[in-house]
Structures are given as structure tokens and as C-alpha cells.
């Protein structure tokens, strides 16, 4: 007879692998109360269990049940206060069978389950649960998920939560979950440069959080607001009536705003790692230059003097150039451009960035170099809305990637 039954895993000749049968038999012990010698009580619900199985699967239970304390006494009842019955049921099933079903559970139960995996030392279960939570993030659950991920130092889940919140900042600020964030998690979110909501919206959300968490230190929370990014009207008509910031703090913000260069202000910007944001997909457009539509089409293979490239004329003051307006203020530190390379000519250029099209900061200066073909340009990360590229000699054509 063939041993290729679909329920049986394939094994090499001479090897017997009936782990699935072992899992079924041990899992059956969980259903009944036979041979149980310890009972857990969670939310007034009793969970009979077997010491030897728990100890074999978990170092925490090994120390608890065989460590000489009262919990190690025969037929002991052990109350657990820091979890729910639903989450503990899932954990026992995993301990006895190595399986857990996450898809039908509410987010709150999954986060309790994740907490148990962390507390009782199941790193593989912790990783698998975190990976699943990454796939179901939404506005309603991302804040509480981030709180738990931060508490247990789960880097992948924390990173995914941050990316989701950065891309949906205004919706996150108005969600019910935002009000329930711990102070540490709250500050970790709003202090990020990439949490790119309008500063007025951030202030109002923090104001609501302070009302909802009256016992916390409101002064520390309000220090996260970047007051110089708010208009004079907002400072006087929104911030001042709240009473959470002193008149001196408001006057200092007005002073900084009036005396600083625009590009020196601590702006927030969208951060989209490893993606080209100078595209129509992200709302970018060419506002200055000839053949504007050619710059953002991404075709770097088929181009000539008539199509595939944007370009600009050379003038005496070297201020005409190709100017790109990004879809939103963004954090950038890398630009790739393709200079015209269909002949032997070389080019000199510089690149400047701005938020308001008035104050420009030069991030790349190749005005004294001869360059051609692909340019991979790195500079300190900056928040900007506009990118200007100016050629100082010859006819200049380029494509941003």
C-alpha cells in the first residue's frame, strides 16, 4: 500500500514521522480533564491542565509548577489576573498542539494573546502573531497595536505601525484609539518628523488626549507640539485659549517663526522609504521646464531630443531650471537623475529644495564638475515640497528616478 495519504507528511524511506498524531493525542488531553493535576482560573473560568506538558513546553511554567512554591503543590489552583479567558484558551491550545487560529479573533484578544506569548517565553509564537497583526492594521486598531508592540520591544510590528500611522496621520489623530495611547507611545508617535499632519491638528488631538488622561503631565505632552509651524492666527485663537501653554511659549514661537529662515523650521514630512516619490502616483508634477510630462514617466530606455526628457533653457542668472513640486511635504535624502548621454557632452548643475518656493537650500552643488548619464546623489535628510535643478552650461535635459 502507498504511504502517500494526504494527511501524512512525506518522509524518507526508513523514517517514521507521526508528529501530527502526537499533536492530536496530546491536544485531546486539553478537551477533557483526565489526568489533570493543576487548574488555572481566568475571569472565573477554570482551565484544568497537566504540569508535565506545561513544564516541557514553557520555562516559565516549569519554574512556577516545579519551583517549590505553593503553585507546585498537587491539585493547586492558580489565578491569573493579567489576561482574558479567550487569550488563555488560545495559549493552552498552542501549548498542547503547536497550533493557533488567529483569523477569527478580535484585535483585543490577539493583543492579549501576544502579551501571553511574550510573558511566557514563546518567541516563535510572538513572531508569528506579530506578523499576522501587521497584515490587519487599520485606523481602529493601529494605536493599541503600537502600544503593545512598543511595550514588548517588537521591532517589526512597531515599524509597521509607525509606517501606517505616518501615512494616515490625520485619521489616526481623530481615532478613539489615539486617546487610549500610553504617554510613552503617544510621544513616540508625535515626535516623529514623518508624522506629517498639520500642526494645528496635532495640537487639538493632544489637547483631547490631555482631557482624556487628566492625571498625566500635560506640560511634557505639549512640548511635542512644534509651535513655530503654526500660523499667528492659530497660535492666538487655538493654542492660547487652551491654557496649556504659557504666553511666553507662544511669544517664543512667534519670534522663532518671524526670525528664522523658512527652511530652518522643523517641518514634518511624509517618509516613503525606497520609493520614487517624484511620480504622478504620489501627486508630483513638473511646474517649470519644457516637455513637462516627460519627466515623471519613468522611461529611461527610450528617449531622444524630442521625447522622454524634460529640459530647460539656459539664462544669464542661472535661475531657470526644472522645478518639481512633490505631492506633499516629504523627507528626502537621495535623488537619482539621468543626464542626457546620447553624445559626449558633459554638464554642470546644482539642486536646491524648498518648502515655499521662496527660501531655497542647496543640497547638491556640482556646478564645478562635468557630469553625464546616471547621477546618484545623497545628502542629509530634509523635509521639502519643491525640488529645483539648474544647469549652468549647455542645453540641459534630465530625468528624475
Protein backbone atom coordinates (compact mmCIF):
# COMPACT_ATOMS: atom_id res chain seq x y z
CA UNK A 1 0.00 0.00 0.00
CA UNK A 2 1.09 3.54 -0.65
CA UNK A 3 2.13 5.75 2.27
CA UNK A 4 1.17 8.94 0.41
CA UNK A 5 -2.01 9.63 2.39
CA UNK A 6 -2.70 13.40 2.10
CA UNK A 7 -2.90 13.79 5.87
CA UNK A 8 0.53 12.32 6.37
CA UNK A 9 3.67 14.35 5.72
CA UNK A 10 6.15 12.91 3.24
CA UNK A 11 9.04 11.10 4.92
CA UNK A 12 12.17 9.49 3.58
CA UNK A 13 12.49 5.72 3.37
CA UNK A 14 13.33 4.34 6.80
CA UNK A 15 11.95 7.38 8.64
CA UNK A 16 8.69 7.47 10.55
CA UNK A 17 7.09 10.86 11.19
CA UNK A 18 3.81 10.75 13.08
CA UNK A 19 4.15 14.13 14.78
CA UNK A 20 0.64 15.06 13.65
CA UNK A 21 -0.73 12.03 15.53
CA UNK A 22 1.24 13.00 18.63
CA UNK A 23 -0.17 16.52 18.42
CA UNK A 24 -3.72 15.18 18.11
CA UNK A 25 -3.36 12.84 21.09
CA UNK A 26 -1.80 15.43 23.39
CA UNK A 27 -4.30 18.02 22.20
CA UNK A 28 -7.12 15.65 23.14
CA UNK A 29 -5.99 15.89 26.77
CA UNK A 30 -6.92 19.57 26.68
CA UNK A 31 -10.53 18.82 25.88
CA UNK A 32 -11.10 16.50 28.83
CA UNK A 33 -10.00 16.72 32.44
CA UNK A 34 -8.35 13.30 32.64
CA UNK A 35 -5.03 13.21 34.46
CA UNK A 36 -5.12 16.97 35.12
CA UNK A 37 -3.12 17.99 38.18
CA UNK A 38 -3.27 21.80 38.11
CA UNK A 39 -6.05 24.30 37.44
CA UNK A 40 -5.79 27.88 36.21
CA UNK A 41 -8.55 30.34 36.96
CA UNK A 42 -9.02 33.19 34.49
CA UNK A 43 -12.03 35.52 34.71
CA UNK A 44 -13.76 32.96 36.99
CA UNK A 45 -13.33 30.27 34.33
CA UNK A 46 -11.42 27.11 35.27
CA UNK A 47 -8.78 25.58 32.98
CA UNK A 48 -7.58 22.08 34.03
CA UNK A 49 -4.07 21.33 32.75
CA UNK A 50 -1.14 18.95 33.09
CA UNK A 51 2.04 20.07 34.84
CA UNK A 52 4.43 17.92 32.86
CA UNK A 53 3.14 19.18 29.50
CA UNK A 54 3.26 22.81 30.58
CA UNK A 55 6.74 22.37 32.05
CA UNK A 56 8.03 20.64 28.91
CA UNK A 57 6.77 23.43 26.69
CA UNK A 58 7.49 26.51 28.78
CA UNK A 59 10.31 27.51 31.12
CA UNK A 60 8.01 29.94 32.93
CA UNK A 61 5.59 27.16 33.87
CA UNK A 62 8.48 24.85 34.72
CA UNK A 63 9.69 27.32 37.34
CA UNK A 64 6.16 28.05 38.55
CA UNK A 65 4.98 24.46 38.87
CA UNK A 66 8.17 22.74 39.99
CA UNK A 67 9.88 25.53 41.88
CA UNK A 68 8.80 24.60 45.39
CA UNK A 69 6.27 27.40 45.78
CA UNK A 70 2.62 26.83 46.70
CA UNK A 71 1.75 26.57 42.99
CA UNK A 72 3.83 23.38 42.90
CA UNK A 73 1.51 21.64 45.37
CA UNK A 74 -0.71 18.83 43.99
CA UNK A 75 -4.08 19.93 42.60
CA UNK A 76 -3.17 23.61 43.04
CA UNK A 77 -5.41 26.33 41.68
CA UNK A 78 -3.56 29.26 40.14
CA UNK A 79 -5.43 32.52 39.48
CA UNK A 80 -4.21 34.63 36.56
CA UNK A 81 -5.16 38.31 36.64
CA UNK A 82 -3.38 39.79 33.63
CA UNK A 83 -5.20 38.13 30.72
CA UNK A 84 -8.57 37.12 29.36
CA UNK A 85 -10.16 33.70 29.13
CA UNK A 86 -10.21 33.87 25.32
CA UNK A 87 -6.49 34.60 25.05
CA UNK A 88 -5.57 31.95 27.63
CA UNK A 89 -7.66 29.37 25.77
CA UNK A 90 -5.65 30.12 22.62
CA UNK A 91 -2.39 29.82 24.53
CA UNK A 92 -3.28 26.42 26.03
CA UNK A 93 -4.26 25.15 22.59
CA UNK A 94 -0.89 26.28 21.24
CA UNK A 95 0.98 24.66 24.15
CA UNK A 96 -0.79 21.34 23.67
CA UNK A 97 -0.94 21.20 19.87
CA UNK A 98 1.52 23.76 18.47
CA UNK A 99 -1.38 25.37 16.58
CA UNK A 100 -3.31 28.61 16.89
CA UNK A 101 -6.05 30.17 14.76
CA UNK A 102 -5.81 33.95 14.57
CA UNK A 103 -8.10 34.90 11.71
CA UNK A 104 -11.41 34.78 13.60
CA UNK A 105 -10.29 36.59 16.74
CA UNK A 106 -10.83 40.24 17.67
CA UNK A 107 -7.79 42.52 17.79
CA UNK A 108 -8.07 42.90 21.57
CA UNK A 109 -7.87 39.13 22.04
CA UNK A 110 -4.93 38.88 19.65
CA UNK A 111 -3.04 41.55 21.57
CA UNK A 112 -3.71 39.72 24.85
CA UNK A 113 -2.51 36.54 23.15
CA UNK A 114 0.63 38.35 22.01
CA UNK A 115 1.20 39.55 25.56
CA UNK A 116 0.97 35.99 26.87
CA UNK A 117 3.40 34.75 24.21
CA UNK A 118 5.85 37.41 25.36
CA UNK A 119 5.32 36.86 29.08
CA UNK A 120 5.60 33.08 28.96
CA UNK A 121 8.55 32.98 26.58
CA UNK A 122 7.27 31.70 23.22
CA UNK A 123 9.39 33.75 20.76
CA UNK A 124 8.22 31.85 17.65
CA UNK A 125 4.59 32.40 18.63
CA UNK A 126 5.35 36.05 19.35
CA UNK A 127 6.88 36.49 15.89
CA UNK A 128 4.05 34.72 14.07
CA UNK A 129 1.37 36.70 15.89
CA UNK A 130 3.22 39.94 15.21
CA UNK A 131 3.44 39.11 11.51
CA UNK A 132 -0.30 38.48 11.37
CA UNK A 133 -1.07 41.74 13.18
CA UNK A 134 1.00 43.58 10.56
CA UNK A 135 -1.46 42.39 7.90
CA UNK A 136 -4.63 43.62 9.64
CA UNK A 137 -3.59 47.11 10.72
CA UNK A 138 -6.30 49.73 10.34
CA UNK A 139 -7.26 53.09 11.82
CA UNK A 140 -9.22 51.48 14.66
CA UNK A 141 -6.52 49.08 15.89
CA UNK A 142 -3.17 50.62 14.97
CA UNK A 143 -2.81 52.71 18.14
CA UNK A 144 -3.41 49.89 20.60
CA UNK A 145 -1.23 47.59 18.49
CA UNK A 146 1.58 50.15 18.55
CA UNK A 147 1.22 50.50 22.33
CA UNK A 148 1.69 46.74 22.84
CA UNK A 149 4.48 46.47 20.26
CA UNK A 150 6.37 49.32 21.94
CA UNK A 151 5.88 47.84 25.39
CA UNK A 152 7.36 44.48 24.35
CA UNK A 153 10.03 45.91 22.01
CA UNK A 154 8.79 44.14 18.88
CA UNK A 155 10.74 45.94 16.14
CA UNK A 156 8.95 44.71 13.01
CA UNK A 157 5.46 45.30 14.37
CA UNK A 158 6.48 48.68 15.81
CA UNK A 159 7.94 49.73 12.45
CA UNK A 160 4.83 48.65 10.52
CA UNK A 161 2.59 50.55 12.94
CA UNK A 162 4.72 53.68 12.54
CA UNK A 163 4.62 53.46 8.75
CA UNK A 164 0.85 53.02 8.80
CA UNK A 165 0.34 55.95 11.17
CA UNK A 166 2.70 58.17 9.20
CA UNK A 167 0.70 57.58 6.02
CA UNK A 168 -2.66 58.09 7.77
CA UNK A 169 -1.69 60.71 10.34
CA UNK A 170 -4.84 62.84 10.33
CA UNK A 171 -7.17 59.83 10.56
CA UNK A 172 -5.09 58.42 13.44
CA UNK A 173 -5.33 61.71 15.34
CA UNK A 174 -9.13 61.62 15.23
CA UNK A 175 -9.47 57.93 16.13
CA UNK A 176 -10.71 56.67 19.50
CA UNK A 177 -7.54 54.58 19.86
CA UNK A 178 -5.40 57.73 19.94
CA UNK A 179 -7.00 58.79 23.23
CA UNK A 180 -6.09 55.44 24.82
CA UNK A 181 -2.38 55.55 23.99
CA UNK A 182 0.09 55.47 26.84
CA UNK A 183 2.09 58.65 27.31
CA UNK A 184 5.29 56.97 26.10
CA UNK A 185 3.66 55.63 22.94
CA UNK A 186 1.94 58.97 22.30
CA UNK A 187 5.20 60.90 22.44
CA UNK A 188 6.98 58.33 20.28
CA UNK A 189 4.36 58.95 17.59
CA UNK A 190 4.02 62.73 17.55
CA UNK A 191 7.75 63.44 17.95
CA UNK A 192 8.47 61.72 14.63
CA UNK A 193 9.38 64.06 11.76
CA UNK A 194 7.48 61.68 9.48
CA UNK A 195 4.20 62.04 11.40
CA UNK A 196 3.11 64.60 8.84
CA UNK A 197 -0.21 66.01 9.99
CA UNK A 198 -0.87 69.76 10.18
CA UNK A 199 0.45 71.09 13.48
CA UNK A 200 -2.96 72.52 14.41
CA UNK A 201 -4.50 69.04 14.12
CA UNK A 202 -1.72 67.57 16.25
CA UNK A 203 -2.24 70.22 18.91
CA UNK A 204 -6.01 69.65 19.05
CA UNK A 205 -5.54 65.88 19.24
CA UNK A 206 -3.05 66.26 22.09
CA UNK A 207 -5.46 68.63 23.81
CA UNK A 208 -8.18 65.96 23.64
CA UNK A 209 -5.70 63.35 24.91
CA UNK A 210 -4.83 65.55 27.90
CA UNK A 211 -8.54 65.93 28.75
CA UNK A 212 -8.97 62.16 28.50
CA UNK A 213 -5.86 61.48 30.62
CA UNK A 214 -6.14 64.16 33.26
CA UNK A 215 -3.55 62.61 35.62
CA UNK A 216 -0.67 62.77 33.15
CA UNK A 217 1.92 65.56 32.88
CA UNK A 218 0.35 67.83 30.27
CA UNK A 219 3.36 70.12 30.06
CA UNK A 220 5.53 67.28 28.78
CA UNK A 221 2.90 66.35 26.22
CA UNK A 222 2.57 69.89 24.90
CA UNK A 223 6.32 70.14 24.38
CA UNK A 224 5.83 67.79 21.44
CA UNK A 225 3.87 70.47 19.54
CA UNK A 226 6.01 72.39 17.05
CA UNK A 227 4.51 75.79 17.71
CA UNK A 228 6.61 77.72 15.13
CA UNK A 229 4.90 75.69 12.39
CA UNK A 230 1.53 77.17 13.33
CA UNK A 231 0.24 80.43 11.94
CA UNK A 232 -0.19 83.52 14.10
CA UNK A 233 -3.97 83.12 13.91
CA UNK A 234 -3.73 79.50 15.12
CA UNK A 235 -1.41 80.44 17.97
CA UNK A 236 -3.69 83.22 19.19
CA UNK A 237 -7.11 81.68 18.54
CA UNK A 238 -6.46 77.97 19.11
CA UNK A 239 -3.40 77.50 21.33
CA UNK A 240 -3.75 80.48 23.66
CA UNK A 241 -7.38 79.77 24.78
CA UNK A 242 -6.44 76.22 25.79
CA UNK A 243 -4.38 77.46 28.72
CA UNK A 244 -1.95 74.56 28.36
CA UNK A 245 0.90 76.69 27.08
CA UNK A 246 2.23 79.84 28.70
CA UNK A 247 2.11 83.23 26.95
CA UNK A 248 5.92 83.17 26.90
CA UNK A 249 5.91 79.87 24.99
CA UNK A 250 3.55 81.35 22.41
CA UNK A 251 5.62 84.54 22.08
CA UNK A 252 8.79 82.47 21.68
CA UNK A 253 7.14 80.52 18.86
CA UNK A 254 6.14 83.75 17.12
CA UNK A 255 9.70 85.04 17.49
CA UNK A 256 11.21 81.87 16.03
CA UNK A 257 8.77 81.93 13.13
CA UNK A 258 9.47 85.57 12.29
CA UNK A 259 13.25 85.48 12.68
CA UNK A 260 14.14 82.09 11.18
CA UNK A 261 14.65 81.07 7.60
CA UNK A 262 11.72 79.06 6.40
CA UNK A 263 13.93 76.05 5.62
CA UNK A 264 15.37 76.14 9.16
CA UNK A 265 11.97 75.40 10.70
CA UNK A 266 11.48 71.87 11.97
CA UNK A 267 8.94 70.77 9.37
CA UNK A 268 7.20 67.42 9.26
CA UNK A 269 7.13 65.45 6.05
CA UNK A 270 5.92 62.20 4.53
CA UNK A 271 8.50 59.40 4.58
CA UNK A 272 8.12 56.68 1.94
CA UNK A 273 11.33 54.61 2.05
CA UNK A 274 12.79 53.08 -1.09
CA UNK A 275 10.17 54.52 -3.43
CA UNK A 276 10.33 57.20 -6.09
CA UNK A 277 8.02 59.96 -4.84
CA UNK A 278 8.64 62.24 -7.86
CA UNK A 279 5.86 60.50 -9.77
CA UNK A 280 2.24 61.17 -10.60
CA UNK A 281 1.32 58.25 -8.33
CA UNK A 282 2.25 60.43 -5.35
CA UNK A 283 0.88 63.64 -6.82
CA UNK A 284 4.16 65.14 -8.07
CA UNK A 285 4.22 67.49 -11.04
CA UNK A 286 6.70 69.46 -13.11
CA UNK A 287 5.93 73.18 -12.64
CA UNK A 288 8.88 74.61 -14.61
CA UNK A 289 10.69 73.23 -17.63
CA UNK A 290 9.98 72.17 -21.18
CA UNK A 291 8.30 68.85 -22.04
CA UNK A 292 6.93 68.70 -18.50
CA UNK A 293 5.03 65.47 -18.96
CA UNK A 294 8.19 63.59 -19.94
CA UNK A 295 9.98 63.93 -16.60
CA UNK A 296 7.82 61.65 -14.48
CA UNK A 297 7.01 58.84 -16.91
CA UNK A 298 9.92 56.65 -15.77
CA UNK A 299 11.08 55.59 -19.24
CA UNK A 300 14.86 55.59 -19.03
CA UNK A 301 15.47 53.39 -22.06
CA UNK A 302 13.73 55.12 -24.96
CA UNK A 303 14.49 58.82 -25.22
CA UNK A 304 15.83 61.33 -27.71
CA UNK A 305 15.85 65.11 -28.20
CA UNK A 306 12.11 65.17 -28.88
CA UNK A 307 10.66 62.89 -26.23
CA UNK A 308 11.44 61.07 -22.98
CA UNK A 309 13.22 64.03 -21.30
CA UNK A 310 12.35 67.32 -19.68
CA UNK A 311 14.71 70.23 -20.27
CA UNK A 312 15.12 73.95 -19.68
CA UNK A 313 16.79 76.88 -21.48
CA UNK A 314 19.98 78.47 -20.13
CA UNK A 315 19.73 82.10 -18.97
CA UNK A 316 22.26 84.60 -17.66
CA UNK A 317 21.29 84.49 -13.97
CA UNK A 318 21.32 80.67 -13.81
CA UNK A 319 17.98 80.61 -12.01
CA UNK A 320 15.88 78.97 -14.70
CA UNK A 321 15.69 75.24 -14.22
CA UNK A 322 13.43 72.27 -13.95
CA UNK A 323 11.25 72.54 -10.87
CA UNK A 324 9.30 69.65 -9.41
CA UNK A 325 6.53 70.06 -6.87
CA UNK A 326 6.02 66.96 -4.75
CA UNK A 327 2.53 65.84 -3.84
CA UNK A 328 3.11 66.65 -0.16
CA UNK A 329 5.98 67.80 2.05
CA UNK A 330 8.34 64.83 2.09
CA UNK A 331 11.54 63.69 3.77
CA UNK A 332 14.17 63.00 1.13
CA UNK A 333 17.91 62.28 1.21
CA UNK A 334 18.51 60.70 -2.18
CA UNK A 335 17.89 61.75 -5.77
CA UNK A 336 18.72 59.73 -8.90
CA UNK A 337 18.78 61.57 -12.20
CA UNK A 338 19.68 60.58 -15.72
CA UNK A 339 21.52 63.31 -17.63
CA UNK A 340 21.48 63.37 -21.41
CA UNK A 341 24.05 60.80 -22.54
CA UNK A 342 23.33 60.25 -26.22
CA UNK A 343 26.53 62.14 -27.14
CA UNK A 344 29.85 63.02 -25.49
CA UNK A 345 28.80 66.26 -23.81
CA UNK A 346 29.02 66.72 -20.03
CA UNK A 347 27.05 69.03 -17.74
CA UNK A 348 27.34 71.06 -14.55
CA UNK A 349 24.37 71.60 -12.25
CA UNK A 350 23.12 72.21 -8.74
CA UNK A 351 20.00 71.09 -6.87
CA UNK A 352 18.04 73.12 -4.32
CA UNK A 353 14.99 72.28 -2.23
CA UNK A 354 12.30 74.46 -0.67
CA UNK A 355 9.02 74.39 1.19
CA UNK A 356 7.55 77.68 -0.03
CA UNK A 357 9.33 78.39 -3.36
CA UNK A 358 10.93 81.45 -1.75
CA UNK A 359 13.60 80.11 0.59
CA UNK A 360 15.86 77.55 -1.12
CA UNK A 361 18.58 75.35 0.37
CA UNK A 362 21.26 73.95 -1.94
CA UNK A 363 21.72 70.24 -1.23
CA UNK A 364 23.88 69.29 -4.24
CA UNK A 365 26.43 71.55 -5.93
CA UNK A 366 28.11 70.05 -8.97
CA UNK A 367 28.49 73.42 -10.67
CA UNK A 368 32.27 72.91 -10.92
CA UNK A 369 32.13 69.32 -12.17
CA UNK A 370 31.49 67.78 -15.56
CA UNK A 371 28.78 65.15 -15.25
CA UNK A 372 26.82 62.88 -17.55
CA UNK A 373 24.49 59.86 -17.54
CA UNK A 374 23.27 58.50 -14.18
CA UNK A 375 23.75 60.61 -11.06
CA UNK A 376 23.19 59.02 -7.63
CA UNK A 377 23.04 61.90 -5.19
CA UNK A 378 22.92 61.66 -1.39
CA UNK A 379 22.58 64.47 1.13
CA UNK A 380 21.39 64.94 4.74
CA UNK A 381 17.67 64.20 5.01
CA UNK A 382 15.45 67.25 4.67
CA UNK A 383 11.75 67.97 4.52
CA UNK A 384 10.83 69.75 1.29
CA UNK A 385 7.96 70.31 -1.10
CA UNK A 386 9.84 71.61 -4.14
CA UNK A 387 12.99 70.47 -5.94
CA UNK A 388 14.81 72.79 -8.37
CA UNK A 389 17.57 71.61 -10.69
CA UNK A 390 19.58 74.20 -12.61
CA UNK A 391 22.15 73.65 -15.35
CA UNK A 392 24.99 76.14 -15.66
CA UNK A 393 26.24 75.32 -19.13
CA UNK A 394 24.99 73.85 -22.40
CA UNK A 395 21.50 72.64 -23.12
CA UNK A 396 20.33 70.57 -20.16
CA UNK A 397 18.00 67.60 -20.18
CA UNK A 398 17.35 65.26 -17.28
CA UNK A 399 15.06 62.68 -15.82
CA UNK A 400 14.38 62.10 -12.10
CA UNK A 401 14.05 58.50 -10.91
